Amino acid sequence: MDDRVTRVSELLHEAGETHHQVFRIVDGADDDWATWYSDWLVKLSELPDVLGATPVNSELTWLLVQLDKDYTKAAPGERWEEWYAERVVRHFGA
């Protein structure tokens, strides 16, 4: 796996863990999770440095929602973070 993909996967995992802590009172339930993730990833993580560009929040939110739908439909045998990371790097990476 590409170093950027590995790092983005780690950041997605960290975002998931952080989101669950923030929303612990409702056991992580958040219908607008993708907006929270994209905001955290763009503003509070190293994602822009890893990608070499700062994604627009709305584009990243859209991508995360689409990836969730695609992942659910495909049901691949890999962790969601790795599966998403490959596609995030492909979408935003130079």
PDB file of N, CA and C in Angstrom:
ATOM      1  N   MET A   1       0.848  -1.189   0.000  1.00  0.00           N
ATOM      2  CA  MET A   1       0.000   0.000   0.000  1.00  0.00           C
ATOM      3  C   MET A   1       0.887   1.244   0.000  1.00  0.00           C
ATOM      4  N   ASP A   2       0.553   2.196  -0.823  1.00  0.00           N
ATOM      5  CA  ASP A   2       1.218   3.485  -0.925  1.00  0.00           C
ATOM      6  C   ASP A   2       1.258   4.156   0.454  1.00  0.00           C
ATOM      7  N   ASP A   3       2.362   4.857   0.765  1.00  0.00           N
ATOM      8  CA  ASP A   3       2.487   5.535   2.066  1.00  0.00           C
ATOM      9  C   ASP A   3       1.349   6.527   2.310  1.00  0.00           C
ATOM     10  N   ARG A   4       0.937   7.242   1.260  1.00  0.00           N
ATOM     11  CA  ARG A   4      -0.165   8.193   1.431  1.00  0.00           C
ATOM     12  C   ARG A   4      -1.464   7.466   1.757  1.00  0.00           C
ATOM     13  N   VAL A   5      -1.697   6.339   1.108  1.00  0.00           N
ATOM     14  CA  VAL A   5      -2.912   5.566   1.377  1.00  0.00           C
ATOM     15  C   VAL A   5      -2.897   5.062   2.822  1.00  0.00           C
ATOM     16  N   THR A   6      -1.750   4.577   3.255  1.00  0.00           N
ATOM     17  CA  THR A   6      -1.624   4.112   4.638  1.00  0.00           C
ATOM     18  C   THR A   6      -1.915   5.243   5.609  1.00  0.00           C
ATOM     19  N   ARG A   7      -1.342   6.406   5.361  1.00  0.00           N
ATOM     20  CA  ARG A   7      -1.539   7.536   6.269  1.00  0.00           C
ATOM     21  C   ARG A   7      -2.987   8.023   6.248  1.00  0.00           C
ATOM     22  N   VAL A   8      -3.602   8.091   5.079  1.00  0.00           N
ATOM     23  CA  VAL A   8      -5.008   8.507   5.002  1.00  0.00           C
ATOM     24  C   VAL A   8      -5.881   7.486   5.719  1.00  0.00           C
ATOM     25  N   SER A   9      -5.576   6.216   5.579  1.00  0.00           N
ATOM     26  CA  SER A   9      -6.312   5.179   6.303  1.00  0.00           C
ATOM     27  C   SER A   9      -6.214   5.402   7.808  1.00  0.00           C
ATOM     28  N   GLU A  10      -5.022   5.713   8.290  1.00  0.00           N
ATOM     29  CA  GLU A  10      -4.833   5.990   9.719  1.00  0.00           C
ATOM     30  C   GLU A  10      -5.624   7.214  10.154  1.00  0.00           C
ATOM     31  N   LEU A  11      -5.656   8.241   9.320  1.00  0.00           N
ATOM     32  CA  LEU A  11      -6.411   9.456   9.654  1.00  0.00           C
ATOM     33  C   LEU A  11      -7.913   9.180   9.667  1.00  0.00           C
ATOM     34  N   LEU A  12      -8.387   8.364   8.731  1.00  0.00           N
ATOM     35  CA  LEU A  12      -9.803   8.003   8.726  1.00  0.00           C
ATOM     36  C   LEU A  12     -10.166   7.216   9.984  1.00  0.00           C
ATOM     37  N   HIS A  13      -9.276   6.319  10.387  1.00  0.00           N
ATOM     38  CA  HIS A  13      -9.503   5.564  11.626  1.00  0.00           C
ATOM     39  C   HIS A  13      -9.548   6.508  12.825  1.00  0.00           C
ATOM     40  N   GLU A  14      -8.598   7.436  12.873  1.00  0.00           N
ATOM     41  CA  GLU A  14      -8.566   8.412  13.970  1.00  0.00           C
ATOM     42  C   GLU A  14      -9.829   9.269  13.964  1.00  0.00           C
ATOM     43  N   ALA A  15     -10.282   9.674  12.791  1.00  0.00           N
ATOM     44  CA  ALA A  15     -11.521  10.462  12.693  1.00  0.00           C
ATOM     45  C   ALA A  15     -12.695   9.657  13.241  1.00  0.00           C
ATOM     46  N   GLY A  16     -12.739   8.376  12.889  1.00  0.00           N
ATOM     47  CA  GLY A  16     -13.813   7.519  13.386  1.00  0.00           C
ATOM     48  C   GLY A  16     -13.801   7.385  14.893  1.00  0.00           C
ATOM     49  N   GLU A  17     -12.618   7.175  15.455  1.00  0.00           N
ATOM     50  CA  GLU A  17     -12.491   7.062  16.911  1.00  0.00           C
ATOM     51  C   GLU A  17     -12.869   8.374  17.597  1.00  0.00           C
ATOM     52  N   THR A  18     -12.407   9.478  17.042  1.00  0.00           N
ATOM     53  CA  THR A  18     -12.704  10.792  17.620  1.00  0.00           C
ATOM     54  C   THR A  18     -14.194  11.086  17.529  1.00  0.00           C
ATOM     55  N   HIS A  19     -14.788  10.798  16.379  1.00  0.00           N
ATOM     56  CA  HIS A  19     -16.218  11.019  16.192  1.00  0.00           C
ATOM     57  C   HIS A  19     -17.013  10.219  17.213  1.00  0.00           C
ATOM     58  N   HIS A  20     -16.626   8.978  17.424  1.00  0.00           N
ATOM     59  CA  HIS A  20     -17.345   8.148  18.384  1.00  0.00           C
ATOM     60  C   HIS A  20     -17.243   8.725  19.799  1.00  0.00           C
ATOM     61  N   GLN A  21     -16.093   9.288  20.131  1.00  0.00           N
ATOM     62  CA  GLN A  21     -15.934   9.913  21.453  1.00  0.00           C
ATOM     63  C   GLN A  21     -16.799  11.163  21.574  1.00  0.00           C
ATOM     64  N   VAL A  22     -16.794  11.979  20.544  1.00  0.00           N
ATOM     65  CA  VAL A  22     -17.583  13.218  20.566  1.00  0.00           C
ATOM     66  C   VAL A  22     -19.075  12.904  20.671  1.00  0.00           C
ATOM     67  N   PHE A  23     -19.494  11.844  19.979  1.00  0.00           N
ATOM     68  CA  PHE A  23     -20.903  11.472  19.968  1.00  0.00           C
ATOM     69  C   PHE A  23     -21.192  10.273  20.878  1.00  0.00           C
ATOM     70  N   ARG A  24     -20.381  10.102  21.924  1.00  0.00           N
ATOM     71  CA  ARG A  24     -20.520   8.956  22.809  1.00  0.00           C
ATOM     72  C   ARG A  24     -21.873   8.899  23.511  1.00  0.00           C
ATOM     73  N   ILE A  25     -22.455  10.044  23.788  1.00  0.00           N
ATOM     74  CA  ILE A  25     -23.726  10.070  24.511  1.00  0.00           C
ATOM     75  C   ILE A  25     -24.847   9.410  23.696  1.00  0.00           C
ATOM     76  N   VAL A  26     -24.658   9.368  22.357  1.00  0.00           N
ATOM     77  CA  VAL A  26     -25.643   8.722  21.488  1.00  0.00           C
ATOM     78  C   VAL A  26     -25.012   7.510  20.783  1.00  0.00           C
ATOM     79  N   ASP A  27     -23.964   6.960  21.391  1.00  0.00           N
ATOM     80  CA  ASP A  27     -23.269   5.782  20.883  1.00  0.00           C
ATOM     81  C   ASP A  27     -22.782   5.970  19.440  1.00  0.00           C
ATOM     82  N   GLY A  28     -22.323   7.166  19.134  1.00  0.00           N
ATOM     83  CA  GLY A  28     -21.747   7.444  17.816  1.00  0.00           C
ATOM     84  C   GLY A  28     -22.755   7.772  16.737  1.00  0.00           C
ATOM     85  N   ALA A  29     -24.032   7.767  17.069  1.00  0.00           N
ATOM     86  CA  ALA A  29     -25.066   8.031  16.063  1.00  0.00           C
ATOM     87  C   ALA A  29     -25.007   9.485  15.597  1.00  0.00           C
ATOM     88  N   ASP A  30     -24.940   9.665  14.286  1.00  0.00           N
ATOM     89  CA  ASP A  30     -24.880  11.008  13.704  1.00  0.00           C
ATOM     90  C   ASP A  30     -25.247  10.886  12.234  1.00  0.00           C
ATOM     91  N   ASP A  31     -26.443  11.323  11.883  1.00  0.00           N
ATOM     92  CA  ASP A  31     -26.890  11.228  10.492  1.00  0.00           C
ATOM     93  C   ASP A  31     -26.022  12.055   9.545  1.00  0.00           C
ATOM     94  N   ASP A  32     -25.370  13.081  10.069  1.00  0.00           N
ATOM     95  CA  ASP A  32     -24.531  13.952   9.239  1.00  0.00           C
ATOM     96  C   ASP A  32     -23.048  13.694   9.510  1.00  0.00           C
ATOM     97  N   TRP A  33     -22.695  12.437   9.736  1.00  0.00           N
ATOM     98  CA  TRP A  33     -21.323  12.055  10.081  1.00  0.00           C
ATOM     99  C   TRP A  33     -20.310  12.520   9.038  1.00  0.00           C
ATOM    100  N   ALA A  34     -20.665  12.449   7.756  1.00  0.00           N
ATOM    101  CA  ALA A  34     -19.696  12.785   6.704  1.00  0.00           C
ATOM    102  C   ALA A  34     -19.272  14.244   6.776  1.00  0.00           C
ATOM    103  N   THR A  35     -20.184  15.125   7.149  1.00  0.00           N
ATOM    104  CA  THR A  35     -19.830  16.542   7.297  1.00  0.00           C
ATOM    105  C   THR A  35     -18.867  16.714   8.465  1.00  0.00           C
ATOM    106  N   TRP A  36     -19.145  16.025   9.566  1.00  0.00           N
ATOM    107  CA  TRP A  36     -18.248  16.093  10.720  1.00  0.00           C
ATOM    108  C   TRP A  36     -16.874  15.558  10.351  1.00  0.00           C
ATOM    109  N   TYR A  37     -16.818  14.390   9.697  1.00  0.00           N
ATOM    110  CA  TYR A  37     -15.539  13.800   9.296  1.00  0.00           C
ATOM    111  C   TYR A  37     -14.751  14.744   8.396  1.00  0.00           C
ATOM    112  N   SER A  38     -15.406  15.280   7.369  1.00  0.00           N
ATOM    113  CA  SER A  38     -14.675  16.136   6.426  1.00  0.00           C
ATOM    114  C   SER A  38     -14.152  17.383   7.116  1.00  0.00           C
ATOM    115  N   ASP A  39     -14.944  17.968   7.992  1.00  0.00           N
ATOM    116  CA  ASP A  39     -14.490  19.157   8.712  1.00  0.00           C
ATOM    117  C   ASP A  39     -13.273  18.818   9.575  1.00  0.00           C
ATOM    118  N   TRP A  40     -13.345  17.726  10.296  1.00  0.00           N
ATOM    119  CA  TRP A  40     -12.227  17.313  11.154  1.00  0.00           C
ATOM    120  C   TRP A  40     -10.993  16.993  10.313  1.00  0.00           C
ATOM    121  N   LEU A  41     -11.180  16.237   9.245  1.00  0.00           N
ATOM    122  CA  LEU A  41     -10.048  15.832   8.405  1.00  0.00           C
ATOM    123  C   LEU A  41      -9.355  17.029   7.761  1.00  0.00           C
ATOM    124  N   VAL A  42     -10.127  17.994   7.309  1.00  0.00           N
ATOM    125  CA  VAL A  42      -9.542  19.157   6.624  1.00  0.00           C
ATOM    126  C   VAL A  42      -8.931  20.146   7.615  1.00  0.00           C
ATOM    127  N   LYS A  43      -9.616  20.391   8.732  1.00  0.00           N
ATOM    128  CA  LYS A  43      -9.178  21.440   9.659  1.00  0.00           C
ATOM    129  C   LYS A  43      -8.306  20.957  10.813  1.00  0.00           C
ATOM    130  N   LEU A  44      -8.450  19.697  11.226  1.00  0.00           N
ATOM    131  CA  LEU A  44      -7.788  19.255  12.449  1.00  0.00           C
ATOM    132  C   LEU A  44      -6.859  18.056  12.268  1.00  0.00           C
ATOM    133  N   SER A  45      -6.636  17.646  11.046  1.00  0.00           N
ATOM    134  CA  SER A  45      -5.729  16.526  10.810  1.00  0.00           C
ATOM    135  C   SER A  45      -4.676  16.926   9.773  1.00  0.00           C
ATOM    136  N   GLU A  46      -3.801  15.985   9.494  1.00  0.00           N
ATOM    137  CA  GLU A  46      -2.728  16.209   8.526  1.00  0.00           C
ATOM    138  C   GLU A  46      -3.144  15.869   7.104  1.00  0.00           C
ATOM    139  N   LEU A  47      -4.421  15.619   6.860  1.00  0.00           N
ATOM    140  CA  LEU A  47      -4.872  15.210   5.531  1.00  0.00           C
ATOM    141  C   LEU A  47      -4.408  16.151   4.420  1.00  0.00           C
ATOM    142  N   PRO A  48      -4.554  17.471   4.579  1.00  0.00           N
ATOM    143  CA  PRO A  48      -4.079  18.342   3.499  1.00  0.00           C
ATOM    144  C   PRO A  48      -2.583  18.163   3.202  1.00  0.00           C
ATOM    145  N   ASP A  49      -1.776  17.979   4.235  1.00  0.00           N
ATOM    146  CA  ASP A  49      -0.341  17.759   4.035  1.00  0.00           C
ATOM    147  C   ASP A  49      -0.082  16.438   3.316  1.00  0.00           C
ATOM    148  N   VAL A  50      -0.802  15.403   3.709  1.00  0.00           N
ATOM    149  CA  VAL A  50      -0.613  14.080   3.110  1.00  0.00           C
ATOM    150  C   VAL A  50      -1.001  14.114   1.633  1.00  0.00           C
ATOM    151  N   LEU A  51      -2.098  14.788   1.318  1.00  0.00           N
ATOM    152  CA  LEU A  51      -2.566  14.859  -0.066  1.00  0.00           C
ATOM    153  C   LEU A  51      -1.809  15.886  -0.897  1.00  0.00           C
ATOM    154  N   GLY A  52      -1.167  16.830  -0.235  1.00  0.00           N
ATOM    155  CA  GLY A  52      -0.475  17.892  -0.957  1.00  0.00           C
ATOM    156  C   GLY A  52      -1.407  18.992  -1.430  1.00  0.00           C
ATOM    157  N   ALA A  53      -2.628  18.992  -0.920  1.00  0.00           N
ATOM    158  CA  ALA A  53      -3.636  20.007  -1.248  1.00  0.00           C
ATOM    159  C   ALA A  53      -4.731  19.937  -0.192  1.00  0.00           C
ATOM    160  N   THR A  54      -5.431  21.035  -0.026  1.00  0.00           N
ATOM    161  CA  THR A  54      -6.529  21.067   0.934  1.00  0.00           C
ATOM    162  C   THR A  54      -7.841  20.826   0.215  1.00  0.00           C
ATOM    163  N   PRO A  55      -8.479  19.692   0.495  1.00  0.00           N
ATOM    164  CA  PRO A  55      -9.771  19.426  -0.149  1.00  0.00           C
ATOM    165  C   PRO A  55     -10.823  20.442   0.292  1.00  0.00           C
ATOM    166  N   VAL A  56     -11.752  20.715  -0.574  1.00  0.00           N
ATOM    167  CA  VAL A  56     -12.911  21.531  -0.218  1.00  0.00           C
ATOM    168  C   VAL A  56     -13.816  20.642   0.627  1.00  0.00           C
ATOM    169  N   ASN A  57     -14.271  21.164   1.757  1.00  0.00           N
ATOM    170  CA  ASN A  57     -15.078  20.359   2.680  1.00  0.00           C
ATOM    171  C   ASN A  57     -16.265  19.695   1.998  1.00  0.00           C
ATOM    172  N   SER A  58     -16.987  20.450   1.187  1.00  0.00           N
ATOM    173  CA  SER A  58     -18.195  19.886   0.573  1.00  0.00           C
ATOM    174  C   SER A  58     -17.855  18.752  -0.392  1.00  0.00           C
ATOM    175  N   GLU A  59     -16.742  18.849  -1.100  1.00  0.00           N
ATOM    176  CA  GLU A  59     -16.341  17.777  -2.006  1.00  0.00           C
ATOM    177  C   GLU A  59     -15.942  16.529  -1.225  1.00  0.00           C
ATOM    178  N   LEU A  60     -15.216  16.722  -0.124  1.00  0.00           N
ATOM    179  CA  LEU A  60     -14.826  15.589   0.703  1.00  0.00           C
ATOM    180  C   LEU A  60     -16.053  14.959   1.351  1.00  0.00           C
ATOM    181  N   THR A  61     -16.991  15.773   1.789  1.00  0.00           N
ATOM    182  CA  THR A  61     -18.238  15.245   2.365  1.00  0.00           C
ATOM    183  C   THR A  61     -18.963  14.399   1.335  1.00  0.00           C
ATOM    184  N   TRP A  62     -19.116  14.925   0.121  1.00  0.00           N
ATOM    185  CA  TRP A  62     -19.771  14.185  -0.956  1.00  0.00           C
ATOM    186  C   TRP A  62     -19.051  12.857  -1.200  1.00  0.00           C
ATOM    187  N   LEU A  63     -17.722  12.899  -1.270  1.00  0.00           N
ATOM    188  CA  LEU A  63     -16.951  11.697  -1.542  1.00  0.00           C
ATOM    189  C   LEU A  63     -17.146  10.661  -0.434  1.00  0.00           C
ATOM    190  N   LEU A  64     -17.121  11.086   0.815  1.00  0.00           N
ATOM    191  CA  LEU A  64     -17.310  10.156   1.930  1.00  0.00           C
ATOM    192  C   LEU A  64     -18.692   9.499   1.888  1.00  0.00           C
ATOM    193  N   VAL A  65     -19.709  10.275   1.564  1.00  0.00           N
ATOM    194  CA  VAL A  65     -21.062   9.715   1.455  1.00  0.00           C
ATOM    195  C   VAL A  65     -21.109   8.696   0.314  1.00  0.00           C
ATOM    196  N   GLN A  66     -20.514   9.042  -0.822  1.00  0.00           N
ATOM    197  CA  GLN A  66     -20.504   8.124  -1.956  1.00  0.00           C
ATOM    198  C   GLN A  66     -19.717   6.858  -1.640  1.00  0.00           C
ATOM    199  N   LEU A  67     -18.574   7.027  -0.976  1.00  0.00           N
ATOM    200  CA  LEU A  67     -17.775   5.861  -0.598  1.00  0.00           C
ATOM    201  C   LEU A  67     -18.532   4.947   0.356  1.00  0.00           C
ATOM    202  N   ASP A  68     -19.285   5.541   1.269  1.00  0.00           N
ATOM    203  CA  ASP A  68     -20.086   4.732   2.192  1.00  0.00           C
ATOM    204  C   ASP A  68     -21.104   3.894   1.426  1.00  0.00           C
ATOM    205  N   LYS A  69     -21.770   4.501   0.458  1.00  0.00           N
ATOM    206  CA  LYS A  69     -22.752   3.770  -0.359  1.00  0.00           C
ATOM    207  C   LYS A  69     -22.058   2.667  -1.157  1.00  0.00           C
ATOM    208  N   ASP A  70     -20.931   3.008  -1.781  1.00  0.00           N
ATOM    209  CA  ASP A  70     -20.204   2.032  -2.608  1.00  0.00           C
ATOM    210  C   ASP A  70     -19.653   0.885  -1.767  1.00  0.00           C
ATOM    211  N   TYR A  71     -19.122   1.212  -0.608  1.00  0.00           N
ATOM    212  CA  TYR A  71     -18.560   0.191   0.286  1.00  0.00           C
ATOM    213  C   TYR A  71     -19.649  -0.762   0.764  1.00  0.00           C
ATOM    214  N   THR A  72     -20.786  -0.207   1.135  1.00  0.00           N
ATOM    215  CA  THR A  72     -21.908  -1.023   1.601  1.00  0.00           C
ATOM    216  C   THR A  72     -22.380  -1.960   0.484  1.00  0.00           C
ATOM    217  N   LYS A  73     -22.459  -1.443  -0.726  1.00  0.00           N
ATOM    218  CA  LYS A  73     -22.910  -2.244  -1.864  1.00  0.00           C
ATOM    219  C   LYS A  73     -21.887  -3.316  -2.241  1.00  0.00           C
ATOM    220  N   ALA A  74     -20.612  -2.950  -2.269  1.00  0.00           N
ATOM    221  CA  ALA A  74     -19.561  -3.877  -2.695  1.00  0.00           C
ATOM    222  C   ALA A  74     -19.222  -4.914  -1.633  1.00  0.00           C
ATOM    223  N   ALA A  75     -19.369  -4.536  -0.378  1.00  0.00           N
ATOM    224  CA  ALA A  75     -19.023  -5.412   0.749  1.00  0.00           C
ATOM    225  C   ALA A  75     -17.653  -6.068   0.561  1.00  0.00           C
ATOM    226  N   PRO A  76     -16.608  -5.249   0.369  1.00  0.00           N
ATOM    227  CA  PRO A  76     -15.278  -5.817   0.168  1.00  0.00           C
ATOM    228  C   PRO A  76     -14.760  -6.450   1.466  1.00  0.00           C
ATOM    229  N   GLY A  77     -13.729  -7.247   1.333  1.00  0.00           N
ATOM    230  CA  GLY A  77     -13.202  -7.935   2.503  1.00  0.00           C
ATOM    231  C   GLY A  77     -12.160  -7.148   3.266  1.00  0.00           C
ATOM    232  N   GLU A  78     -11.986  -5.886   2.957  1.00  0.00           N
ATOM    233  CA  GLU A  78     -10.977  -5.092   3.654  1.00  0.00           C
ATOM    234  C   GLU A  78     -11.629  -4.062   4.564  1.00  0.00           C
ATOM    235  N   ARG A  79     -10.832  -3.558   5.504  1.00  0.00           N
ATOM    236  CA  ARG A  79     -11.329  -2.543   6.435  1.00  0.00           C
ATOM    237  C   ARG A  79     -11.795  -1.312   5.646  1.00  0.00           C
ATOM    238  N   TRP A  80     -12.857  -0.685   6.147  1.00  0.00           N
ATOM    239  CA  TRP A  80     -13.397   0.477   5.439  1.00  0.00           C
ATOM    240  C   TRP A  80     -12.363   1.565   5.294  1.00  0.00           C
ATOM    241  N   GLU A  81     -11.527   1.772   6.308  1.00  0.00           N
ATOM    242  CA  GLU A  81     -10.539   2.856   6.260  1.00  0.00           C
ATOM    243  C   GLU A  81      -9.574   2.678   5.091  1.00  0.00           C
ATOM    244  N   GLU A  82      -9.138   1.454   4.865  1.00  0.00           N
ATOM    245  CA  GLU A  82      -8.209   1.192   3.764  1.00  0.00           C
ATOM    246  C   GLU A  82      -8.897   1.364   2.419  1.00  0.00           C
ATOM    247  N   TRP A  83     -10.109   0.852   2.332  1.00  0.00           N
ATOM    248  CA  TRP A  83     -10.870   0.938   1.087  1.00  0.00           C
ATOM    249  C   TRP A  83     -11.151   2.395   0.725  1.00  0.00           C
ATOM    250  N   TYR A  84     -11.603   3.192   1.711  1.00  0.00           N
ATOM    251  CA  TYR A  84     -11.858   4.614   1.481  1.00  0.00           C
ATOM    252  C   TYR A  84     -10.552   5.339   1.132  1.00  0.00           C
ATOM    253  N   ALA A  85      -9.488   5.031   1.878  1.00  0.00           N
ATOM    254  CA  ALA A  85      -8.223   5.757   1.707  1.00  0.00           C
ATOM    255  C   ALA A  85      -7.702   5.657   0.281  1.00  0.00           C
ATOM    256  N   GLU A  86      -7.763   4.470  -0.306  1.00  0.00           N
ATOM    257  CA  GLU A  86      -7.304   4.310  -1.685  1.00  0.00           C
ATOM    258  C   GLU A  86      -8.053   5.245  -2.616  1.00  0.00           C
ATOM    259  N   ARG A  87      -9.330   5.376  -2.410  1.00  0.00           N
ATOM    260  CA  ARG A  87     -10.172   6.200  -3.277  1.00  0.00           C
ATOM    261  C   ARG A  87     -10.020   7.685  -2.978  1.00  0.00           C
ATOM    262  N   VAL A  88      -9.820   8.039  -1.724  1.00  0.00           N
ATOM    263  CA  VAL A  88      -9.581   9.441  -1.374  1.00  0.00           C
ATOM    264  C   VAL A  88      -8.270   9.920  -2.009  1.00  0.00           C
ATOM    265  N   VAL A  89      -7.230   9.107  -1.907  1.00  0.00           N
ATOM    266  CA  VAL A  89      -5.941   9.480  -2.500  1.00  0.00           C
ATOM    267  C   VAL A  89      -6.070   9.561  -4.015  1.00  0.00           C
ATOM    268  N   ARG A  90      -6.760   8.612  -4.618  1.00  0.00           N
ATOM    269  CA  ARG A  90      -6.954   8.642  -6.071  1.00  0.00           C
ATOM    270  C   ARG A  90      -7.727   9.892  -6.498  1.00  0.00           C
ATOM    271  N   HIS A  91      -8.749  10.258  -5.722  1.00  0.00           N
ATOM    272  CA  HIS A  91      -9.587  11.407  -6.059  1.00  0.00           C
ATOM    273  C   HIS A  91      -8.868  12.734  -5.886  1.00  0.00           C
ATOM    274  N   PHE A  92      -8.178  12.889  -4.756  1.00  0.00           N
ATOM    275  CA  PHE A  92      -7.554  14.177  -4.455  1.00  0.00           C
ATOM    276  C   PHE A  92      -6.065  14.241  -4.717  1.00  0.00           C
ATOM    277  N   GLY A  93      -5.420  13.090  -4.795  1.00  0.00           N
ATOM    278  CA  GLY A  93      -3.966  13.068  -4.940  1.00  0.00           C
ATOM    279  C   GLY A  93      -3.525  13.462  -6.337  1.00  0.00           C
ATOM    280  N   ALA A  94      -2.347  14.029  -6.369  1.00  0.00           N
ATOM    281  CA  ALA A  94      -1.788  14.447  -7.666  1.00  0.00           C
ATOM    282  C   ALA A  94      -1.031  13.303  -8.297  1.00  0.00           C
TER     283      ALA A  94
END
